[in-house]
PDB file of all heavy atoms in Angstrom:
ATOM      1  N   GLY A   1       6.637  16.507  -6.590  1.00  0.00           N
ATOM      2  CA  GLY A   1       5.569  17.450  -6.874  1.00  0.00           C
ATOM      3  C   GLY A   1       5.872  18.328  -8.067  1.00  0.00           C
ATOM      4  O   GLY A   1       6.876  18.162  -8.752  1.00  0.00           O
ATOM      5  N   GLU A   2       4.972  19.270  -8.302  1.00  0.00           N
ATOM      6  CA  GLU A   2       5.115  20.187  -9.418  1.00  0.00           C
ATOM      7  C   GLU A   2       4.668  21.568  -8.990  1.00  0.00           C
ATOM      8  O   GLU A   2       3.952  21.709  -8.006  1.00  0.00           O
ATOM      9  CB  GLU A   2       4.323  19.699 -10.626  1.00  0.00           C
ATOM     10  CG  GLU A   2       2.862  19.399 -10.352  1.00  0.00           C
ATOM     11  CD  GLU A   2       1.915  20.498 -10.792  1.00  0.00           C
ATOM     12  OE1 GLU A   2       2.338  21.480 -11.432  1.00  0.00           O
ATOM     13  OE2 GLU A   2       0.738  20.379 -10.485  1.00  0.00           O
ATOM     14  N   CYS A   3       5.127  22.564  -9.721  1.00  0.00           N
ATOM     15  CA  CYS A   3       4.722  23.928  -9.423  1.00  0.00           C
ATOM     16  C   CYS A   3       4.820  24.779 -10.681  1.00  0.00           C
ATOM     17  O   CYS A   3       5.402  24.370 -11.687  1.00  0.00           O
ATOM     18  CB  CYS A   3       5.553  24.527  -8.295  1.00  0.00           C
ATOM     19  SG  CYS A   3       7.258  24.883  -8.756  1.00  0.00           S
ATOM     20  N   GLN A   4       4.269  25.968 -10.556  1.00  0.00           N
ATOM     21  CA  GLN A   4       4.344  26.942 -11.631  1.00  0.00           C
ATOM     22  C   GLN A   4       4.914  28.226 -11.036  1.00  0.00           C
ATOM     23  O   GLN A   4       4.531  28.625  -9.941  1.00  0.00           O
ATOM     24  CB  GLN A   4       2.946  27.188 -12.192  1.00  0.00           C
ATOM     25  CG  GLN A   4       2.941  27.586 -13.623  1.00  0.00           C
ATOM     26  CD  GLN A   4       1.545  27.527 -14.206  1.00  0.00           C
ATOM     27  OE1 GLN A   4       0.701  26.758 -13.770  1.00  0.00           O
ATOM     28  NE2 GLN A   4       1.309  28.342 -15.203  1.00  0.00           N
ATOM     29  N   TYR A   5       5.855  28.845 -11.747  1.00  0.00           N
ATOM     30  CA  TYR A   5       6.506  30.045 -11.254  1.00  0.00           C
ATOM     31  C   TYR A   5       6.756  30.969 -12.434  1.00  0.00           C
ATOM     32  O   TYR A   5       7.459  30.590 -13.372  1.00  0.00           O
ATOM     33  CB  TYR A   5       7.820  29.662 -10.560  1.00  0.00           C
ATOM     34  CG  TYR A   5       8.531  30.785  -9.871  1.00  0.00           C
ATOM     35  CD1 TYR A   5       8.013  31.340  -8.702  1.00  0.00           C
ATOM     36  CD2 TYR A   5       9.716  31.296 -10.372  1.00  0.00           C
ATOM     37  CE1 TYR A   5       8.670  32.378  -8.062  1.00  0.00           C
ATOM     38  CE2 TYR A   5      10.384  32.328  -9.737  1.00  0.00           C
ATOM     39  CZ  TYR A   5       9.850  32.862  -8.578  1.00  0.00           C
ATOM     40  OH  TYR A   5      10.499  33.895  -7.947  1.00  0.00           O
ATOM     41  N   PHE A   6       6.177  32.157 -12.395  1.00  0.00           N
ATOM     42  CA  PHE A   6       6.298  33.132 -13.477  1.00  0.00           C
ATOM     43  C   PHE A   6       5.998  32.508 -14.842  1.00  0.00           C
ATOM     44  O   PHE A   6       6.730  32.701 -15.806  1.00  0.00           O
ATOM     45  CB  PHE A   6       7.679  33.789 -13.488  1.00  0.00           C
ATOM     46  CG  PHE A   6       7.873  34.790 -12.396  1.00  0.00           C
ATOM     47  CD1 PHE A   6       8.652  34.487 -11.301  1.00  0.00           C
ATOM     48  CD2 PHE A   6       7.252  36.024 -12.447  1.00  0.00           C
ATOM     49  CE1 PHE A   6       8.840  35.413 -10.282  1.00  0.00           C
ATOM     50  CE2 PHE A   6       7.427  36.954 -11.429  1.00  0.00           C
ATOM     51  CZ  PHE A   6       8.208  36.642 -10.346  1.00  0.00           C
ATOM     52  N   GLY A   7       4.930  31.727 -14.905  1.00  0.00           N
ATOM     53  CA  GLY A   7       4.510  31.139 -16.166  1.00  0.00           C
ATOM     54  C   GLY A   7       5.275  29.910 -16.591  1.00  0.00           C
ATOM     55  O   GLY A   7       4.951  29.293 -17.601  1.00  0.00           O
ATOM     56  N   GLN A   8       6.293  29.536 -15.843  1.00  0.00           N
ATOM     57  CA  GLN A   8       7.059  28.320 -16.138  1.00  0.00           C
ATOM     58  C   GLN A   8       6.558  27.190 -15.250  1.00  0.00           C
ATOM     59  O   GLN A   8       6.240  27.399 -14.089  1.00  0.00           O
ATOM     60  CB  GLN A   8       8.550  28.539 -15.884  1.00  0.00           C
ATOM     61  CG  GLN A   8       9.186  29.544 -16.807  1.00  0.00           C
ATOM     62  CD  GLN A   8       9.280  29.037 -18.230  1.00  0.00           C
ATOM     63  OE1 GLN A   8       9.636  27.889 -18.478  1.00  0.00           O
ATOM     64  NE2 GLN A   8       8.941  29.897 -19.180  1.00  0.00           N
ATOM     65  N   ARG A   9       6.506  25.994 -15.793  1.00  0.00           N
ATOM     66  CA  ARG A   9       6.053  24.829 -15.031  1.00  0.00           C
ATOM     67  C   ARG A   9       7.260  23.935 -14.741  1.00  0.00           C
ATOM     68  O   ARG A   9       8.120  23.756 -15.590  1.00  0.00           O
ATOM     69  CB  ARG A   9       5.000  24.063 -15.812  1.00  0.00           C
ATOM     70  CG  ARG A   9       4.270  23.050 -14.969  1.00  0.00           C
ATOM     71  CD  ARG A   9       3.128  22.432 -15.744  1.00  0.00           C
ATOM     72  NE  ARG A   9       1.928  23.248 -15.748  1.00  0.00           N
ATOM     73  CZ  ARG A   9       0.944  23.138 -14.872  1.00  0.00           C
ATOM     74  NH1 ARG A   9       1.037  22.263 -13.903  1.00  0.00           N
ATOM     75  NH2 ARG A   9      -0.124  23.880 -14.966  1.00  0.00           N
ATOM     76  N   PHE A  10       7.283  23.387 -13.517  1.00  0.00           N
ATOM     77  CA  PHE A  10       8.390  22.559 -13.057  1.00  0.00           C
ATOM     78  C   PHE A  10       7.865  21.270 -12.435  1.00  0.00           C
ATOM     79  O   PHE A  10       6.778  21.246 -11.879  1.00  0.00           O
ATOM     80  CB  PHE A  10       9.209  23.297 -11.988  1.00  0.00           C
ATOM     81  CG  PHE A  10       9.801  24.593 -12.443  1.00  0.00           C
ATOM     82  CD1 PHE A  10       9.084  25.775 -12.354  1.00  0.00           C
ATOM     83  CD2 PHE A  10      11.084  24.629 -12.964  1.00  0.00           C
ATOM     84  CE1 PHE A  10       9.633  26.975 -12.764  1.00  0.00           C
ATOM     85  CE2 PHE A  10      11.645  25.823 -13.374  1.00  0.00           C
ATOM     86  CZ  PHE A  10      10.917  26.999 -13.278  1.00  0.00           C
ATOM     87  N   ILE A  11       8.688  20.238 -12.497  1.00  0.00           N
ATOM     88  CA  ILE A  11       8.409  18.981 -11.816  1.00  0.00           C
ATOM     89  C   ILE A  11       9.670  18.629 -11.016  1.00  0.00           C
ATOM     90  O   ILE A  11      10.785  18.827 -11.498  1.00  0.00           O
ATOM     91  CB  ILE A  11       8.034  17.862 -12.826  1.00  0.00           C
ATOM     92  CG1 ILE A  11       7.748  16.542 -12.122  1.00  0.00           C
ATOM     93  CG2 ILE A  11       9.092  17.699 -13.890  1.00  0.00           C
ATOM     94  CD1 ILE A  11       7.216  15.457 -13.057  1.00  0.00           C
ATOM     95  N   ALA A  12       9.484  18.138  -9.795  1.00  0.00           N
ATOM     96  CA  ALA A  12      10.617  17.789  -8.933  1.00  0.00           C
ATOM     97  C   ALA A  12      10.599  16.307  -8.613  1.00  0.00           C
ATOM     98  O   ALA A  12       9.545  15.737  -8.327  1.00  0.00           O
ATOM     99  CB  ALA A  12      10.563  18.601  -7.640  1.00  0.00           C
ATOM    100  N   MET A  13      11.781  15.697  -8.687  1.00  0.00           N
ATOM    101  CA  MET A  13      11.918  14.274  -8.387  1.00  0.00           C
ATOM    102  C   MET A  13      13.319  14.005  -7.858  1.00  0.00           C
ATOM    103  O   MET A  13      14.175  14.890  -7.885  1.00  0.00           O
ATOM    104  CB  MET A  13      11.626  13.440  -9.625  1.00  0.00           C
ATOM    105  CG  MET A  13      12.583  13.677 -10.773  1.00  0.00           C
ATOM    106  SD  MET A  13      11.986  13.040 -12.328  1.00  0.00           S
ATOM    107  CE  MET A  13      11.174  14.497 -12.947  1.00  0.00           C
ATOM    108  N   ASP A  14      13.535  12.789  -7.372  1.00  0.00           N
ATOM    109  CA  ASP A  14      14.852  12.414  -6.865  1.00  0.00           C
ATOM    110  C   ASP A  14      15.898  12.438  -7.971  1.00  0.00           C
ATOM    111  O   ASP A  14      15.628  12.047  -9.108  1.00  0.00           O
ATOM    112  CB  ASP A  14      14.830  10.995  -6.288  1.00  0.00           C
ATOM    113  CG  ASP A  14      14.301  10.933  -4.878  1.00  0.00           C
ATOM    114  OD1 ASP A  14      14.121  12.000  -4.262  1.00  0.00           O
ATOM    115  OD2 ASP A  14      14.062   9.817  -4.394  1.00  0.00           O
ATOM    116  N   TYR A  15      17.090  12.878  -7.610  1.00  0.00           N
ATOM    117  CA  TYR A  15      18.253  12.740  -8.490  1.00  0.00           C
ATOM    118  C   TYR A  15      18.714  11.297  -8.380  1.00  0.00           C
ATOM    119  O   TYR A  15      18.822  10.743  -7.282  1.00  0.00           O
ATOM    120  CB  TYR A  15      19.363  13.693  -8.039  1.00  0.00           C
ATOM    121  CG  TYR A  15      20.680  13.423  -8.717  1.00  0.00           C
ATOM    122  CD1 TYR A  15      20.858  13.737 -10.064  1.00  0.00           C
ATOM    123  CD2 TYR A  15      21.732  12.850  -8.022  1.00  0.00           C
ATOM    124  CE1 TYR A  15      22.059  13.491 -10.696  1.00  0.00           C
ATOM    125  CE2 TYR A  15      22.944  12.600  -8.648  1.00  0.00           C
ATOM    126  CZ  TYR A  15      23.101  12.914  -9.983  1.00  0.00           C
ATOM    127  OH  TYR A  15      24.291  12.663 -10.608  1.00  0.00           O
ATOM    128  N   ILE A  16      18.980  10.664  -9.512  1.00  0.00           N
ATOM    129  CA  ILE A  16      19.424   9.273  -9.527  1.00  0.00           C
ATOM    130  C   ILE A  16      20.892   9.234  -9.956  1.00  0.00           C
ATOM    131  O   ILE A  16      21.199   9.436 -11.132  1.00  0.00           O
ATOM    132  CB  ILE A  16      18.578   8.413 -10.507  1.00  0.00           C
ATOM    133  CG1 ILE A  16      17.093   8.540 -10.208  1.00  0.00           C
ATOM    134  CG2 ILE A  16      19.046   6.968 -10.487  1.00  0.00           C
ATOM    135  CD1 ILE A  16      16.672   8.046  -8.855  1.00  0.00           C
ATOM    136  N   PRO A  17      21.814   8.996  -9.006  1.00  0.00           N
ATOM    137  CA  PRO A  17      23.217   8.874  -9.402  1.00  0.00           C
ATOM    138  C   PRO A  17      23.403   7.611 -10.240  1.00  0.00           C
ATOM    139  O   PRO A  17      22.855   6.559  -9.921  1.00  0.00           O
ATOM    140  CB  PRO A  17      23.977   8.746  -8.077  1.00  0.00           C
ATOM    141  CG  PRO A  17      22.989   8.981  -7.000  1.00  0.00           C
ATOM    142  CD  PRO A  17      21.621   8.851  -7.578  1.00  0.00           C
ATOM    143  N   GLY A  18      24.108   7.741 -11.310  1.00  0.00           N
ATOM    144  CA  GLY A  18      24.356   6.615 -12.197  1.00  0.00           C
ATOM    145  C   GLY A  18      24.670   7.121 -13.587  1.00  0.00           C
ATOM    146  O   GLY A  18      25.084   8.260 -13.765  1.00  0.00           O
ATOM    147  N   LYS A  19      24.455   6.254 -14.559  1.00  0.00           N
ATOM    148  CA  LYS A  19      24.741   6.645 -15.942  1.00  0.00           C
ATOM    149  C   LYS A  19      23.651   6.092 -16.857  1.00  0.00           C
ATOM    150  O   LYS A  19      22.965   5.129 -16.513  1.00  0.00           O
ATOM    151  CB  LYS A  19      26.108   6.139 -16.369  1.00  0.00           C
ATOM    152  CG  LYS A  19      26.246   4.620 -16.307  1.00  0.00           C
ATOM    153  CD  LYS A  19      27.640   4.165 -16.661  1.00  0.00           C
ATOM    154  CE  LYS A  19      27.706   2.641 -16.596  1.00  0.00           C
ATOM    155  NZ  LYS A  19      28.971   2.121 -16.993  1.00  0.00           N
ATOM    156  N   HIS A  20      23.519   6.733 -17.998  1.00  0.00           N
ATOM    157  CA  HIS A  20      22.556   6.236 -18.982  1.00  0.00           C
ATOM    158  C   HIS A  20      22.983   4.833 -19.394  1.00  0.00           C
ATOM    159  O   HIS A  20      24.163   4.517 -19.440  1.00  0.00           O
ATOM    160  CB  HIS A  20      22.477   7.175 -20.184  1.00  0.00           C
ATOM    161  CG  HIS A  20      21.932   8.518 -19.812  1.00  0.00           C
ATOM    162  ND1 HIS A  20      20.602   8.724 -19.540  1.00  0.00           N
ATOM    163  CD2 HIS A  20      22.543   9.704 -19.634  1.00  0.00           C
ATOM    164  CE1 HIS A  20      20.419   9.992 -19.225  1.00  0.00           C
ATOM    165  NE2 HIS A  20      21.584  10.609 -19.264  1.00  0.00           N
ATOM    166  N   CYS A  21      22.003   4.013 -19.688  1.00  0.00           N
ATOM    167  CA  CYS A  21      22.256   2.585 -19.812  1.00  0.00           C
ATOM    168  C   CYS A  21      21.819   2.058 -21.180  1.00  0.00           C
ATOM    169  O   CYS A  21      20.638   2.106 -21.508  1.00  0.00           O
ATOM    170  CB  CYS A  21      21.489   1.871 -18.707  1.00  0.00           C
ATOM    171  SG  CYS A  21      21.502   0.097 -18.820  1.00  0.00           S
ATOM    172  N   ASP A  22      22.780   1.556 -21.939  1.00  0.00           N
ATOM    173  CA  ASP A  22      22.455   0.868 -23.187  1.00  0.00           C
ATOM    174  C   ASP A  22      22.432  -0.622 -22.890  1.00  0.00           C
ATOM    175  O   ASP A  22      23.468  -1.258 -22.742  1.00  0.00           O
ATOM    176  CB  ASP A  22      23.481   1.195 -24.261  1.00  0.00           C
ATOM    177  CG  ASP A  22      23.043   0.699 -25.628  1.00  0.00           C
ATOM    178  OD1 ASP A  22      22.058  -0.059 -25.714  1.00  0.00           O
ATOM    179  OD2 ASP A  22      23.698   1.072 -26.620  1.00  0.00           O
ATOM    180  N   TRP A  23      21.254  -1.150 -22.737  1.00  0.00           N
ATOM    181  CA  TRP A  23      21.054  -2.539 -22.333  1.00  0.00           C
ATOM    182  C   TRP A  23      21.206  -3.517 -23.498  1.00  0.00           C
ATOM    183  O   TRP A  23      21.376  -4.709 -23.282  1.00  0.00           O
ATOM    184  CB  TRP A  23      19.668  -2.703 -21.712  1.00  0.00           C
ATOM    185  CG  TRP A  23      18.585  -2.451 -22.719  1.00  0.00           C
ATOM    186  CD1 TRP A  23      17.975  -3.383 -23.514  1.00  0.00           C
ATOM    187  CD2 TRP A  23      18.016  -1.194 -23.079  1.00  0.00           C
ATOM    188  NE1 TRP A  23      17.075  -2.773 -24.336  1.00  0.00           N
ATOM    189  CE2 TRP A  23      17.069  -1.428 -24.092  1.00  0.00           C
ATOM    190  CE3 TRP A  23      18.223   0.101 -22.641  1.00  0.00           C
ATOM    191  CZ2 TRP A  23      16.326  -0.408 -24.673  1.00  0.00           C
ATOM    192  CZ3 TRP A  23      17.479   1.124 -23.208  1.00  0.00           C
ATOM    193  CH2 TRP A  23      16.542   0.865 -24.210  1.00  0.00           C
ATOM    194  N   ARG A  24      21.131  -3.013 -24.721  1.00  0.00           N
ATOM    195  CA  ARG A  24      21.158  -3.890 -25.901  1.00  0.00           C
ATOM    196  C   ARG A  24      22.462  -4.668 -25.940  1.00  0.00           C
ATOM    197  O   ARG A  24      23.544  -4.116 -25.788  1.00  0.00           O
ATOM    198  CB  ARG A  24      20.983  -3.063 -27.163  1.00  0.00           C
ATOM    199  CG  ARG A  24      19.640  -2.328 -27.187  1.00  0.00           C
ATOM    200  CD  ARG A  24      19.559  -1.324 -28.277  1.00  0.00           C
ATOM    201  NE  ARG A  24      20.494  -0.227 -27.969  1.00  0.00           N
ATOM    202  CZ  ARG A  24      20.507   0.919 -28.596  1.00  0.00           C
ATOM    203  NH1 ARG A  24      19.674   1.143 -29.574  1.00  0.00           N
ATOM    204  NH2 ARG A  24      21.371   1.855 -28.268  1.00  0.00           N
ATOM    205  N   GLY A  25      22.361  -5.968 -26.101  1.00  0.00           N
ATOM    206  CA  GLY A  25      23.540  -6.821 -26.138  1.00  0.00           C
ATOM    207  C   GLY A  25      24.019  -7.261 -24.771  1.00  0.00           C
ATOM    208  O   GLY A  25      25.034  -7.942 -24.666  1.00  0.00           O
ATOM    209  N   ASN A  26      23.305  -6.873 -23.713  1.00  0.00           N
ATOM    210  CA  ASN A  26      23.684  -7.258 -22.361  1.00  0.00           C
ATOM    211  C   ASN A  26      22.490  -7.956 -21.717  1.00  0.00           C
ATOM    212  O   ASN A  26      21.519  -7.310 -21.331  1.00  0.00           O
ATOM    213  CB  ASN A  26      24.091  -6.020 -21.559  1.00  0.00           C
ATOM    214  CG  ASN A  26      24.594  -6.359 -20.174  1.00  0.00           C
ATOM    215  OD1 ASN A  26      24.035  -7.204 -19.480  1.00  0.00           O
ATOM    216  ND2 ASN A  26      25.649  -5.685 -19.759  1.00  0.00           N
ATOM    217  N   SER A  27      22.541  -9.268 -21.621  1.00  0.00           N
ATOM    218  CA  SER A  27      21.383 -10.038 -21.154  1.00  0.00           C
ATOM    219  C   SER A  27      20.989  -9.701 -19.717  1.00  0.00           C
ATOM    220  O   SER A  27      19.792  -9.672 -19.392  1.00  0.00           O
ATOM    221  CB  SER A  27      21.628 -11.543 -21.302  1.00  0.00           C
ATOM    222  OG  SER A  27      22.732 -11.950 -20.528  1.00  0.00           O
ATOM    223  N   GLU A  28      21.959  -9.418 -18.850  1.00  0.00           N
ATOM    224  CA  GLU A  28      21.631  -9.080 -17.460  1.00  0.00           C
ATOM    225  C   GLU A  28      20.864  -7.763 -17.389  1.00  0.00           C
ATOM    226  O   GLU A  28      19.855  -7.645 -16.689  1.00  0.00           O
ATOM    227  CB  GLU A  28      22.909  -8.988 -16.617  1.00  0.00           C
ATOM    228  CG  GLU A  28      22.625  -8.686 -15.158  1.00  0.00           C
ATOM    229  CD  GLU A  28      23.897  -8.550 -14.336  1.00  0.00           C
ATOM    230  OE1 GLU A  28      24.933  -9.127 -14.706  1.00  0.00           O
ATOM    231  OE2 GLU A  28      23.834  -7.856 -13.309  1.00  0.00           O
ATOM    232  N   LEU A  29      21.331  -6.755 -18.128  1.00  0.00           N
ATOM    233  CA  LEU A  29      20.632  -5.468 -18.142  1.00  0.00           C
ATOM    234  C   LEU A  29      19.270  -5.578 -18.823  1.00  0.00           C
ATOM    235  O   LEU A  29      18.312  -4.938 -18.402  1.00  0.00           O
ATOM    236  CB  LEU A  29      21.488  -4.401 -18.823  1.00  0.00           C
ATOM    237  CG  LEU A  29      22.754  -3.991 -18.085  1.00  0.00           C
ATOM    238  CD1 LEU A  29      23.553  -2.988 -18.908  1.00  0.00           C
ATOM    239  CD2 LEU A  29      22.432  -3.428 -16.713  1.00  0.00           C
ATOM    240  N   THR A  30      19.175  -6.400 -19.849  1.00  0.00           N
ATOM    241  CA  THR A  30      17.891  -6.619 -20.531  1.00  0.00           C
ATOM    242  C   THR A  30      16.878  -7.220 -19.561  1.00  0.00           C
ATOM    243  O   THR A  30      15.718  -6.804 -19.533  1.00  0.00           O
ATOM    244  CB  THR A  30      18.074  -7.527 -21.766  1.00  0.00           C
ATOM    245  OG1 THR A  30      18.973  -6.886 -22.676  1.00  0.00           O
ATOM    246  CG2 THR A  30      16.755  -7.786 -22.460  1.00  0.00           C
ATOM    247  N   LYS A  31      17.309  -8.177 -18.736  1.00  0.00           N
ATOM    248  CA  LYS A  31      16.408  -8.774 -17.736  1.00  0.00           C
ATOM    249  C   LYS A  31      15.936  -7.726 -16.735  1.00  0.00           C
ATOM    250  O   LYS A  31      14.760  -7.686 -16.369  1.00  0.00           O
ATOM    251  CB  LYS A  31      17.109  -9.914 -16.988  1.00  0.00           C
ATOM    252  CG  LYS A  31      17.267 -11.176 -17.778  1.00  0.00           C
ATOM    253  CD  LYS A  31      18.005 -12.225 -16.957  1.00  0.00           C
ATOM    254  CE  LYS A  31      18.404 -13.402 -17.818  1.00  0.00           C
ATOM    255  NZ  LYS A  31      19.230 -14.374 -17.078  1.00  0.00           N
ATOM    256  N   LYS A  32      16.858  -6.874 -16.286  1.00  0.00           N
ATOM    257  CA  LYS A  32      16.493  -5.826 -15.334  1.00  0.00           C
ATOM    258  C   LYS A  32      15.509  -4.842 -15.961  1.00  0.00           C
ATOM    259  O   LYS A  32      14.545  -4.418 -15.311  1.00  0.00           O
ATOM    260  CB  LYS A  32      17.742  -5.084 -14.840  1.00  0.00           C
ATOM    261  CG  LYS A  32      18.598  -5.921 -13.932  1.00  0.00           C
ATOM    262  CD  LYS A  32      19.824  -5.168 -13.468  1.00  0.00           C
ATOM    263  CE  LYS A  32      20.657  -6.053 -12.550  1.00  0.00           C
ATOM    264  NZ  LYS A  32      21.723  -5.314 -11.899  1.00  0.00           N
ATOM    265  N   LEU A  33      15.732  -4.505 -17.213  1.00  0.00           N
ATOM    266  CA  LEU A  33      14.820  -3.594 -17.897  1.00  0.00           C
ATOM    267  C   LEU A  33      13.451  -4.235 -18.073  1.00  0.00           C
ATOM    268  O   LEU A  33      12.421  -3.581 -17.857  1.00  0.00           O
ATOM    269  CB  LEU A  33      15.394  -3.169 -19.249  1.00  0.00           C
ATOM    270  CG  LEU A  33      14.538  -2.187 -20.034  1.00  0.00           C
ATOM    271  CD1 LEU A  33      14.340  -0.889 -19.264  1.00  0.00           C
ATOM    272  CD2 LEU A  33      15.163  -1.919 -21.399  1.00  0.00           C
ATOM    273  N   ARG A  34      13.409  -5.501 -18.427  1.00  0.00           N
ATOM    274  CA  ARG A  34      12.121  -6.206 -18.564  1.00  0.00           C
ATOM    275  C   ARG A  34      11.355  -6.205 -17.247  1.00  0.00           C
ATOM    276  O   ARG A  34      10.140  -6.028 -17.224  1.00  0.00           O
ATOM    277  CB  ARG A  34      12.339  -7.636 -19.050  1.00  0.00           C
ATOM    278  CG  ARG A  34      12.624  -7.732 -20.508  1.00  0.00           C
ATOM    279  CD  ARG A  34      12.668  -9.176 -20.968  1.00  0.00           C
ATOM    280  NE  ARG A  34      13.037  -9.244 -22.365  1.00  0.00           N
ATOM    281  CZ  ARG A  34      13.842 -10.149 -22.886  1.00  0.00           C
ATOM    282  NH1 ARG A  34      14.358 -11.101 -22.127  1.00  0.00           N
ATOM    283  NH2 ARG A  34      14.130 -10.136 -24.169  1.00  0.00           N
ATOM    284  N   ARG A  35      12.076  -6.422 -16.140  1.00  0.00           N
ATOM    285  CA  ARG A  35      11.419  -6.378 -14.830  1.00  0.00           C
ATOM    286  C   ARG A  35      10.843  -4.999 -14.547  1.00  0.00           C
ATOM    287  O   ARG A  35       9.732  -4.870 -14.028  1.00  0.00           O
ATOM    288  CB  ARG A  35      12.397  -6.768 -13.718  1.00  0.00           C
ATOM    289  CG  ARG A  35      12.391  -8.250 -13.445  1.00  0.00           C
ATOM    290  CD  ARG A  35      13.260  -8.609 -12.257  1.00  0.00           C
ATOM    291  NE  ARG A  35      14.450  -9.231 -12.847  1.00  0.00           N
ATOM    292  CZ  ARG A  35      15.692  -9.031 -12.475  1.00  0.00           C
ATOM    293  NH1 ARG A  35      15.965  -8.242 -11.478  1.00  0.00           N
ATOM    294  NH2 ARG A  35      16.687  -9.625 -13.075  1.00  0.00           N
TER     295      ARG A  35
END
């Protein structure tokens, strides 16, 4: 969901444990990204 508090706007979502992913040059990760 989202809310506004003292003029600031917020959005809330699940925290995703993991790491940023550079898929370039990795065919398995490229397939997952395409999906």
